[in-house]
N, C-alpha and C. Protein backbone atom coordinates (compact mmCIF):
# COMPACT_ATOMS: atom_id res chain seq x y z
N MET A 1 -30.03 -10.47 -4.52
CA MET A 1 -28.67 -10.90 -4.77
C MET A 1 -28.72 -12.00 -5.84
N SER A 2 -27.87 -11.87 -6.84
CA SER A 2 -27.86 -12.85 -7.92
C SER A 2 -27.26 -14.17 -7.44
N ALA A 3 -27.49 -15.20 -8.22
CA ALA A 3 -26.98 -16.52 -7.86
C ALA A 3 -25.46 -16.54 -7.83
N LEU A 4 -24.84 -15.84 -8.78
CA LEU A 4 -23.38 -15.78 -8.80
C LEU A 4 -22.85 -15.08 -7.56
N ARG A 5 -23.50 -14.00 -7.13
CA ARG A 5 -23.06 -13.26 -5.94
C ARG A 5 -23.24 -14.08 -4.67
N ARG A 6 -24.16 -15.01 -4.67
CA ARG A 6 -24.31 -15.87 -3.48
C ARG A 6 -23.14 -16.83 -3.35
N VAL A 7 -22.63 -17.29 -4.48
CA VAL A 7 -21.49 -18.22 -4.47
C VAL A 7 -20.18 -17.46 -4.36
N VAL A 8 -20.04 -16.40 -5.16
CA VAL A 8 -18.82 -15.59 -5.18
C VAL A 8 -19.22 -14.15 -4.80
N PRO A 9 -19.17 -13.84 -3.50
CA PRO A 9 -19.67 -12.54 -3.05
C PRO A 9 -18.84 -11.34 -3.53
N TYR A 10 -17.58 -11.53 -3.81
CA TYR A 10 -16.70 -10.47 -4.30
C TYR A 10 -16.03 -10.95 -5.59
N PRO A 11 -16.71 -10.82 -6.73
CA PRO A 11 -16.17 -11.37 -7.98
C PRO A 11 -14.83 -10.77 -8.41
N LEU A 12 -14.63 -9.48 -8.21
CA LEU A 12 -13.34 -8.89 -8.59
C LEU A 12 -12.21 -9.40 -7.70
N LEU A 13 -12.49 -9.54 -6.43
CA LEU A 13 -11.50 -10.11 -5.52
C LEU A 13 -11.19 -11.55 -5.91
N PHE A 14 -12.23 -12.30 -6.26
CA PHE A 14 -12.05 -13.68 -6.70
C PHE A 14 -11.11 -13.74 -7.90
N LEU A 15 -11.37 -12.90 -8.89
CA LEU A 15 -10.53 -12.90 -10.10
C LEU A 15 -9.10 -12.47 -9.79
N ALA A 16 -8.94 -11.47 -8.93
CA ALA A 16 -7.60 -11.01 -8.57
C ALA A 16 -6.83 -12.08 -7.81
N LEU A 17 -7.49 -12.75 -6.87
CA LEU A 17 -6.82 -13.81 -6.12
C LEU A 17 -6.48 -15.00 -7.01
N LEU A 18 -7.39 -15.35 -7.89
CA LEU A 18 -7.13 -16.45 -8.82
C LEU A 18 -5.97 -16.11 -9.75
N ALA A 19 -5.96 -14.89 -10.27
CA ALA A 19 -4.86 -14.48 -11.15
C ALA A 19 -3.53 -14.50 -10.40
N MET A 20 -3.53 -14.01 -9.16
CA MET A 20 -2.30 -14.03 -8.37
C MET A 20 -1.84 -15.46 -8.12
N TRP A 21 -2.77 -16.33 -7.82
CA TRP A 21 -2.43 -17.74 -7.58
C TRP A 21 -1.79 -18.35 -8.83
N LEU A 22 -2.38 -18.10 -9.98
CA LEU A 22 -1.85 -18.66 -11.22
C LEU A 22 -0.49 -18.07 -11.56
N LEU A 23 -0.31 -16.78 -11.30
CA LEU A 23 1.00 -16.17 -11.53
C LEU A 23 2.06 -16.75 -10.60
N LEU A 24 1.70 -16.95 -9.35
CA LEU A 24 2.66 -17.52 -8.40
C LEU A 24 3.01 -18.97 -8.74
N GLN A 25 2.03 -19.72 -9.22
CA GLN A 25 2.26 -21.12 -9.56
C GLN A 25 2.90 -21.27 -10.93
N GLN A 26 2.82 -20.25 -11.76
CA GLN A 26 3.34 -20.25 -13.12
C GLN A 26 2.81 -21.43 -13.93
N SER A 27 1.52 -21.67 -13.75
CA SER A 27 0.88 -22.78 -14.44
C SER A 27 -0.61 -22.52 -14.55
N VAL A 28 -1.18 -23.02 -15.64
CA VAL A 28 -2.64 -22.99 -15.78
C VAL A 28 -3.17 -24.40 -15.96
N ALA A 29 -2.47 -25.36 -15.38
CA ALA A 29 -2.92 -26.76 -15.42
C ALA A 29 -4.26 -26.86 -14.71
N PRO A 30 -5.09 -27.81 -15.11
CA PRO A 30 -6.43 -27.93 -14.50
C PRO A 30 -6.41 -28.03 -12.98
N GLY A 31 -5.51 -28.79 -12.42
CA GLY A 31 -5.44 -28.93 -10.96
C GLY A 31 -5.07 -27.61 -10.29
N THR A 32 -4.13 -26.90 -10.87
CA THR A 32 -3.72 -25.60 -10.34
C THR A 32 -4.87 -24.61 -10.43
N LEU A 33 -5.59 -24.64 -11.54
CA LEU A 33 -6.72 -23.74 -11.74
C LEU A 33 -7.84 -24.02 -10.73
N ILE A 34 -8.15 -25.29 -10.53
CA ILE A 34 -9.21 -25.66 -9.59
C ILE A 34 -8.82 -25.30 -8.15
N PHE A 35 -7.58 -25.65 -7.77
CA PHE A 35 -7.15 -25.34 -6.42
C PHE A 35 -7.08 -23.82 -6.20
N GLY A 36 -6.61 -23.09 -7.22
CA GLY A 36 -6.56 -21.63 -7.14
C GLY A 36 -7.95 -21.04 -6.98
N ALA A 37 -8.94 -21.61 -7.68
CA ALA A 37 -10.32 -21.14 -7.56
C ALA A 37 -10.84 -21.39 -6.14
N LEU A 38 -10.48 -22.52 -5.56
CA LEU A 38 -10.90 -22.81 -4.18
C LEU A 38 -10.26 -21.84 -3.19
N VAL A 39 -8.98 -21.55 -3.39
CA VAL A 39 -8.29 -20.59 -2.52
C VAL A 39 -8.92 -19.21 -2.66
N ALA A 40 -9.19 -18.79 -3.90
CA ALA A 40 -9.81 -17.49 -4.14
C ALA A 40 -11.21 -17.43 -3.53
N LEU A 41 -11.95 -18.51 -3.65
CA LEU A 41 -13.29 -18.56 -3.06
C LEU A 41 -13.21 -18.45 -1.54
N GLY A 42 -12.23 -19.13 -0.95
CA GLY A 42 -12.02 -19.01 0.50
C GLY A 42 -11.68 -17.59 0.91
N GLY A 43 -10.87 -16.91 0.10
CA GLY A 43 -10.54 -15.51 0.38
C GLY A 43 -11.77 -14.62 0.31
N CYS A 44 -12.64 -14.89 -0.65
CA CYS A 44 -13.88 -14.11 -0.77
C CYS A 44 -14.77 -14.31 0.44
N TRP A 45 -14.89 -15.55 0.89
CA TRP A 45 -15.75 -15.81 2.05
C TRP A 45 -15.13 -15.29 3.33
N ALA A 46 -13.80 -15.19 3.39
CA ALA A 46 -13.16 -14.55 4.53
C ALA A 46 -13.52 -13.06 4.57
N MET A 47 -13.61 -12.44 3.40
CA MET A 47 -14.02 -11.04 3.33
C MET A 47 -15.47 -10.88 3.79
N VAL A 48 -16.32 -11.85 3.47
CA VAL A 48 -17.71 -11.78 3.95
C VAL A 48 -17.73 -11.79 5.46
N ALA A 49 -16.89 -12.64 6.06
CA ALA A 49 -16.84 -12.72 7.53
C ALA A 49 -16.34 -11.40 8.13
N LEU A 50 -15.43 -10.73 7.44
CA LEU A 50 -14.91 -9.45 7.94
C LEU A 50 -15.90 -8.31 7.73
N SER A 51 -16.75 -8.44 6.75
CA SER A 51 -17.77 -7.45 6.34
C SER A 51 -17.25 -6.01 6.37
N PRO A 52 -16.25 -5.70 5.52
CA PRO A 52 -15.72 -4.34 5.50
C PRO A 52 -16.72 -3.35 4.90
N GLN A 53 -16.64 -2.12 5.36
CA GLN A 53 -17.45 -1.07 4.76
C GLN A 53 -16.88 -0.77 3.38
N PRO A 54 -17.73 -0.45 2.43
CA PRO A 54 -17.20 -0.17 1.09
C PRO A 54 -16.37 1.12 1.08
N ALA A 55 -15.30 1.08 0.31
CA ALA A 55 -14.46 2.27 0.17
C ALA A 55 -15.13 3.23 -0.80
N ARG A 56 -15.11 4.48 -0.46
CA ARG A 56 -15.68 5.52 -1.32
C ARG A 56 -14.53 6.35 -1.89
N ILE A 57 -14.25 6.16 -3.16
CA ILE A 57 -13.22 6.95 -3.82
C ILE A 57 -13.91 8.17 -4.41
N ARG A 58 -13.54 9.33 -3.92
CA ARG A 58 -14.22 10.56 -4.30
C ARG A 58 -13.70 11.14 -5.62
N ARG A 59 -12.42 11.02 -5.87
CA ARG A 59 -11.84 11.60 -7.09
C ARG A 59 -10.89 10.60 -7.74
N ILE A 60 -11.31 10.08 -8.87
CA ILE A 60 -10.51 9.09 -9.60
C ILE A 60 -9.23 9.74 -10.14
N GLY A 61 -9.32 10.97 -10.60
CA GLY A 61 -8.15 11.66 -11.13
C GLY A 61 -7.04 11.78 -10.09
N ALA A 62 -7.41 12.05 -8.86
CA ALA A 62 -6.42 12.14 -7.78
C ALA A 62 -5.79 10.77 -7.53
N ALA A 63 -6.58 9.70 -7.66
CA ALA A 63 -6.04 8.35 -7.47
C ALA A 63 -5.02 8.02 -8.57
N VAL A 64 -5.30 8.46 -9.78
CA VAL A 64 -4.36 8.23 -10.89
C VAL A 64 -3.08 9.03 -10.66
N ARG A 65 -3.21 10.29 -10.22
CA ARG A 65 -2.02 11.10 -9.92
C ARG A 65 -1.20 10.48 -8.79
N LEU A 66 -1.90 9.96 -7.77
CA LEU A 66 -1.19 9.31 -6.67
C LEU A 66 -0.43 8.08 -7.17
N ALA A 67 -1.06 7.27 -7.99
CA ALA A 67 -0.39 6.08 -8.53
C ALA A 67 0.86 6.47 -9.32
N GLY A 68 0.77 7.54 -10.10
CA GLY A 68 1.93 8.01 -10.85
C GLY A 68 3.05 8.48 -9.93
N ARG A 69 2.69 9.22 -8.90
CA ARG A 69 3.69 9.70 -7.94
C ARG A 69 4.37 8.53 -7.23
N VAL A 70 3.57 7.57 -6.82
CA VAL A 70 4.14 6.41 -6.12
C VAL A 70 5.09 5.66 -7.04
N PHE A 71 4.69 5.47 -8.29
CA PHE A 71 5.56 4.78 -9.25
C PHE A 71 6.90 5.49 -9.39
N VAL A 72 6.86 6.81 -9.57
CA VAL A 72 8.10 7.59 -9.72
C VAL A 72 8.92 7.54 -8.43
N ASP A 73 8.27 7.70 -7.29
CA ASP A 73 8.99 7.73 -6.02
C ASP A 73 9.60 6.37 -5.68
N VAL A 74 8.92 5.29 -5.99
CA VAL A 74 9.49 3.96 -5.75
C VAL A 74 10.72 3.75 -6.63
N PHE A 75 10.64 4.20 -7.86
CA PHE A 75 11.80 4.09 -8.76
C PHE A 75 12.97 4.90 -8.23
N ARG A 76 12.73 6.16 -7.86
CA ARG A 76 13.79 7.01 -7.31
C ARG A 76 14.36 6.42 -6.02
N SER A 77 13.48 5.92 -5.18
CA SER A 77 13.92 5.36 -3.91
C SER A 77 14.77 4.11 -4.11
N ASN A 78 14.42 3.29 -5.10
CA ASN A 78 15.25 2.13 -5.42
C ASN A 78 16.65 2.57 -5.80
N LEU A 79 16.75 3.61 -6.61
CA LEU A 79 18.07 4.12 -7.00
C LEU A 79 18.83 4.65 -5.79
N ALA A 80 18.14 5.39 -4.92
CA ALA A 80 18.79 5.96 -3.73
C ALA A 80 19.27 4.86 -2.78
N VAL A 81 18.43 3.87 -2.53
CA VAL A 81 18.82 2.78 -1.63
C VAL A 81 19.95 1.97 -2.25
N GLY A 82 19.89 1.75 -3.56
CA GLY A 82 20.99 1.06 -4.25
C GLY A 82 22.30 1.80 -4.10
N THR A 83 22.25 3.11 -4.19
CA THR A 83 23.45 3.93 -4.00
C THR A 83 23.98 3.81 -2.58
N ILE A 84 23.08 3.81 -1.62
CA ILE A 84 23.49 3.67 -0.21
C ILE A 84 24.12 2.30 0.02
N VAL A 85 23.47 1.26 -0.48
CA VAL A 85 23.96 -0.11 -0.24
C VAL A 85 25.27 -0.36 -0.98
N LEU A 86 25.34 0.06 -2.22
CA LEU A 86 26.54 -0.20 -3.02
C LEU A 86 27.62 0.85 -2.84
N GLY A 87 27.29 1.94 -2.17
CA GLY A 87 28.25 3.03 -1.98
C GLY A 87 29.35 2.70 -1.00
N GLY A 88 29.17 1.64 -0.23
CA GLY A 88 30.20 1.21 0.72
C GLY A 88 30.48 2.25 1.78
N GLU A 89 31.75 2.42 2.09
CA GLU A 89 32.15 3.33 3.16
C GLU A 89 32.08 4.79 2.74
N HIS A 90 32.01 5.06 1.46
CA HIS A 90 31.96 6.44 0.97
C HIS A 90 30.65 7.11 1.34
N ARG A 91 29.62 6.33 1.51
CA ARG A 91 28.27 6.88 1.76
C ARG A 91 27.85 6.52 3.18
N ARG A 92 27.70 7.50 4.02
CA ARG A 92 27.24 7.25 5.39
C ARG A 92 25.74 7.50 5.44
N THR A 93 25.03 6.60 6.08
CA THR A 93 23.58 6.78 6.21
C THR A 93 23.26 7.35 7.58
N HIS A 94 22.16 8.00 7.64
CA HIS A 94 21.66 8.58 8.89
C HIS A 94 20.27 8.02 9.12
N SER A 95 20.17 6.73 9.32
CA SER A 95 18.85 6.13 9.51
C SER A 95 18.31 6.52 10.88
N GLY A 96 17.00 6.56 10.95
CA GLY A 96 16.39 6.91 12.21
C GLY A 96 14.88 6.87 12.14
N PHE A 97 14.27 7.14 13.28
CA PHE A 97 12.82 7.17 13.40
C PHE A 97 12.36 8.62 13.40
N MET A 98 11.20 8.83 12.84
CA MET A 98 10.60 10.16 12.86
C MET A 98 9.11 10.04 13.12
N THR A 99 8.55 11.06 13.73
CA THR A 99 7.12 11.10 14.00
C THR A 99 6.49 12.19 13.15
N LEU A 100 5.33 11.89 12.62
CA LEU A 100 4.64 12.79 11.71
C LEU A 100 3.17 12.85 12.10
N ARG A 101 2.63 14.05 12.24
CA ARG A 101 1.20 14.21 12.54
C ARG A 101 0.43 14.23 11.24
N LEU A 102 -0.62 13.40 11.15
CA LEU A 102 -1.42 13.29 9.95
C LEU A 102 -2.79 13.92 10.14
N GLU A 103 -3.32 14.49 9.08
CA GLU A 103 -4.69 14.98 9.05
C GLU A 103 -5.63 13.86 8.59
N LEU A 104 -5.08 12.91 7.86
CA LEU A 104 -5.84 11.80 7.29
C LEU A 104 -6.37 10.89 8.40
N THR A 105 -7.68 10.60 8.37
CA THR A 105 -8.27 9.72 9.37
C THR A 105 -9.01 8.54 8.73
N ASN A 106 -9.27 8.59 7.44
CA ASN A 106 -10.00 7.53 6.76
C ASN A 106 -9.18 6.24 6.79
N ARG A 107 -9.81 5.14 7.20
CA ARG A 107 -9.08 3.88 7.35
C ARG A 107 -8.50 3.38 6.04
N TYR A 108 -9.20 3.60 4.93
CA TYR A 108 -8.68 3.16 3.64
C TYR A 108 -7.52 4.05 3.18
N GLY A 109 -7.64 5.33 3.44
CA GLY A 109 -6.54 6.24 3.13
C GLY A 109 -5.29 5.92 3.93
N LEU A 110 -5.47 5.61 5.21
CA LEU A 110 -4.34 5.22 6.05
C LEU A 110 -3.73 3.91 5.57
N ALA A 111 -4.58 2.97 5.13
CA ALA A 111 -4.07 1.70 4.62
C ALA A 111 -3.24 1.92 3.35
N VAL A 112 -3.73 2.79 2.47
CA VAL A 112 -2.98 3.08 1.24
C VAL A 112 -1.65 3.75 1.59
N LEU A 113 -1.66 4.70 2.53
CA LEU A 113 -0.43 5.36 2.94
C LEU A 113 0.55 4.35 3.55
N ALA A 114 0.04 3.42 4.34
CA ALA A 114 0.91 2.39 4.93
C ALA A 114 1.55 1.54 3.83
N ILE A 115 0.79 1.19 2.82
CA ILE A 115 1.33 0.40 1.72
C ILE A 115 2.38 1.20 0.96
N VAL A 116 2.08 2.46 0.69
CA VAL A 116 3.03 3.31 -0.03
C VAL A 116 4.33 3.45 0.75
N MET A 117 4.22 3.74 2.03
CA MET A 117 5.42 3.94 2.84
C MET A 117 6.25 2.66 2.96
N THR A 118 5.57 1.53 3.08
CA THR A 118 6.29 0.28 3.28
C THR A 118 6.85 -0.27 1.97
N CYS A 119 6.18 -0.02 0.85
CA CYS A 119 6.70 -0.54 -0.42
C CYS A 119 7.76 0.36 -1.02
N THR A 120 7.90 1.57 -0.50
CA THR A 120 8.95 2.46 -0.97
C THR A 120 10.25 2.09 -0.25
N PRO A 121 11.27 1.65 -0.99
CA PRO A 121 12.52 1.27 -0.33
C PRO A 121 13.10 2.41 0.48
N GLY A 122 13.56 2.08 1.68
CA GLY A 122 14.16 3.06 2.55
C GLY A 122 13.23 3.62 3.60
N THR A 123 11.94 3.31 3.50
CA THR A 123 10.99 3.77 4.51
C THR A 123 10.18 2.59 5.02
N LEU A 124 9.75 2.69 6.27
CA LEU A 124 8.96 1.63 6.86
C LEU A 124 7.97 2.23 7.85
N TRP A 125 6.69 1.92 7.65
CA TRP A 125 5.62 2.33 8.56
C TRP A 125 5.77 1.49 9.81
N VAL A 126 6.00 2.11 10.95
CA VAL A 126 6.23 1.37 12.19
C VAL A 126 4.97 1.33 13.05
N HIS A 127 4.36 2.49 13.29
CA HIS A 127 3.21 2.54 14.19
C HIS A 127 2.38 3.77 13.90
N TYR A 128 1.06 3.61 14.02
CA TYR A 128 0.14 4.74 13.90
C TYR A 128 -0.66 4.83 15.19
N ASP A 129 -0.69 6.01 15.78
CA ASP A 129 -1.47 6.25 16.99
C ASP A 129 -2.72 7.02 16.60
N PRO A 130 -3.89 6.35 16.58
CA PRO A 130 -5.10 7.03 16.12
C PRO A 130 -5.59 8.12 17.07
N MET A 131 -5.26 8.03 18.33
CA MET A 131 -5.69 9.06 19.28
C MET A 131 -4.96 10.39 19.02
N ARG A 132 -3.67 10.29 18.79
CA ARG A 132 -2.86 11.48 18.54
C ARG A 132 -2.73 11.79 17.05
N ARG A 133 -3.15 10.82 16.22
CA ARG A 133 -3.02 10.90 14.76
C ARG A 133 -1.57 11.12 14.35
N THR A 134 -0.68 10.35 14.99
CA THR A 134 0.74 10.45 14.67
C THR A 134 1.22 9.13 14.08
N LEU A 135 2.13 9.26 13.16
CA LEU A 135 2.72 8.12 12.47
C LEU A 135 4.19 8.05 12.81
N LEU A 136 4.65 6.87 13.19
CA LEU A 136 6.06 6.64 13.45
C LEU A 136 6.64 5.91 12.24
N LEU A 137 7.63 6.51 11.62
CA LEU A 137 8.29 5.93 10.44
C LEU A 137 9.75 5.67 10.74
N HIS A 138 10.30 4.66 10.08
CA HIS A 138 11.75 4.49 10.07
C HIS A 138 12.21 4.83 8.67
N VAL A 139 13.23 5.68 8.60
CA VAL A 139 13.76 6.13 7.31
C VAL A 139 15.23 5.75 7.25
N LEU A 140 15.64 5.13 6.15
CA LEU A 140 17.02 4.68 5.99
C LEU A 140 17.98 5.86 5.91
N ASP A 141 17.62 6.90 5.20
CA ASP A 141 18.50 8.05 5.03
C ASP A 141 17.81 9.31 5.53
N LEU A 142 17.75 9.45 6.84
CA LEU A 142 17.03 10.55 7.48
C LEU A 142 17.99 11.72 7.72
N VAL A 143 18.28 12.47 6.67
CA VAL A 143 19.17 13.61 6.79
C VAL A 143 18.38 14.83 7.26
N ASP A 144 17.23 15.08 6.63
CA ASP A 144 16.42 16.25 6.94
C ASP A 144 14.98 15.80 7.21
N GLU A 145 14.60 15.74 8.48
CA GLU A 145 13.27 15.28 8.86
C GLU A 145 12.17 16.17 8.29
N SER A 146 12.40 17.46 8.24
CA SER A 146 11.38 18.37 7.70
C SER A 146 11.13 18.12 6.22
N GLU A 147 12.15 17.69 5.50
CA GLU A 147 11.98 17.35 4.09
C GLU A 147 11.10 16.11 3.94
N TRP A 148 11.26 15.14 4.81
CA TRP A 148 10.41 13.94 4.78
C TRP A 148 8.97 14.29 5.13
N VAL A 149 8.79 15.15 6.12
CA VAL A 149 7.43 15.57 6.51
C VAL A 149 6.77 16.25 5.32
N ARG A 150 7.49 17.17 4.68
CA ARG A 150 6.96 17.88 3.51
C ARG A 150 6.62 16.90 2.40
N LEU A 151 7.51 15.97 2.13
CA LEU A 151 7.28 15.00 1.06
C LEU A 151 6.03 14.17 1.31
N ILE A 152 5.88 13.65 2.50
CA ILE A 152 4.75 12.77 2.81
C ILE A 152 3.44 13.57 2.82
N LYS A 153 3.45 14.73 3.44
CA LYS A 153 2.21 15.51 3.54
C LYS A 153 1.80 16.08 2.18
N LEU A 154 2.74 16.61 1.41
CA LEU A 154 2.38 17.24 0.15
C LEU A 154 2.19 16.24 -0.99
N ARG A 155 3.04 15.23 -1.05
CA ARG A 155 2.96 14.30 -2.18
C ARG A 155 1.92 13.21 -1.99
N TYR A 156 1.70 12.79 -0.73
CA TYR A 156 0.79 11.67 -0.51
C TYR A 156 -0.47 12.05 0.25
N GLU A 157 -0.30 12.67 1.41
CA GLU A 157 -1.46 12.91 2.26
C GLU A 157 -2.50 13.82 1.59
N THR A 158 -2.06 14.86 0.91
CA THR A 158 -3.03 15.76 0.27
C THR A 158 -3.87 15.02 -0.77
N LEU A 159 -3.24 14.15 -1.56
CA LEU A 159 -4.00 13.38 -2.54
C LEU A 159 -4.91 12.35 -1.86
N LEU A 160 -4.43 11.73 -0.79
CA LEU A 160 -5.26 10.75 -0.09
C LEU A 160 -6.47 11.42 0.55
N LEU A 161 -6.29 12.63 1.05
CA LEU A 161 -7.43 13.38 1.59
C LEU A 161 -8.43 13.69 0.48
N GLU A 162 -7.92 14.04 -0.68
CA GLU A 162 -8.78 14.33 -1.83
C GLU A 162 -9.52 13.08 -2.30
N ILE A 163 -8.86 11.94 -2.23
CA ILE A 163 -9.46 10.69 -2.71
C ILE A 163 -10.49 10.15 -1.73
N PHE A 164 -10.18 10.13 -0.45
CA PHE A 164 -11.01 9.40 0.52
C PHE A 164 -11.85 10.26 1.45
N GLU A 165 -11.52 11.51 1.67
CA GLU A 165 -12.28 12.29 2.67
C GLU A 165 -12.99 13.46 2.03
């Protein structure tokens, strides 16, 4: 192990945390930079304590396609939720909970799916049951549950299976 890796065990995480700190503080003053480096270093050492298994990304192309899909879907979902919110009484929502059986079992794939579902306006990851491999979602505009199942399984789960399993 190199000397740098002994001090900063996850250099990319360190840089990402430091960059996020500086963006949040909107300053690159010496004190902000030093304190941000200490926070990032603490985050790296917290990861050492957690000792996660390394993620194995099997297909980079699938990850790029997934990122593109998520970008488009988040944009569309923002427009749809904006229409629901600003539509007033003319637009009735049918929010509700739905259960979906997943084939995906990889912990990193499930984490990515949770992030995608939660960052997409109008959907919220509520609970995952690993024994039954079922996901409970809340959907703001749940008109057709089968359409949501199709969307999640075909647009996200298939790519996540390709990427992680």
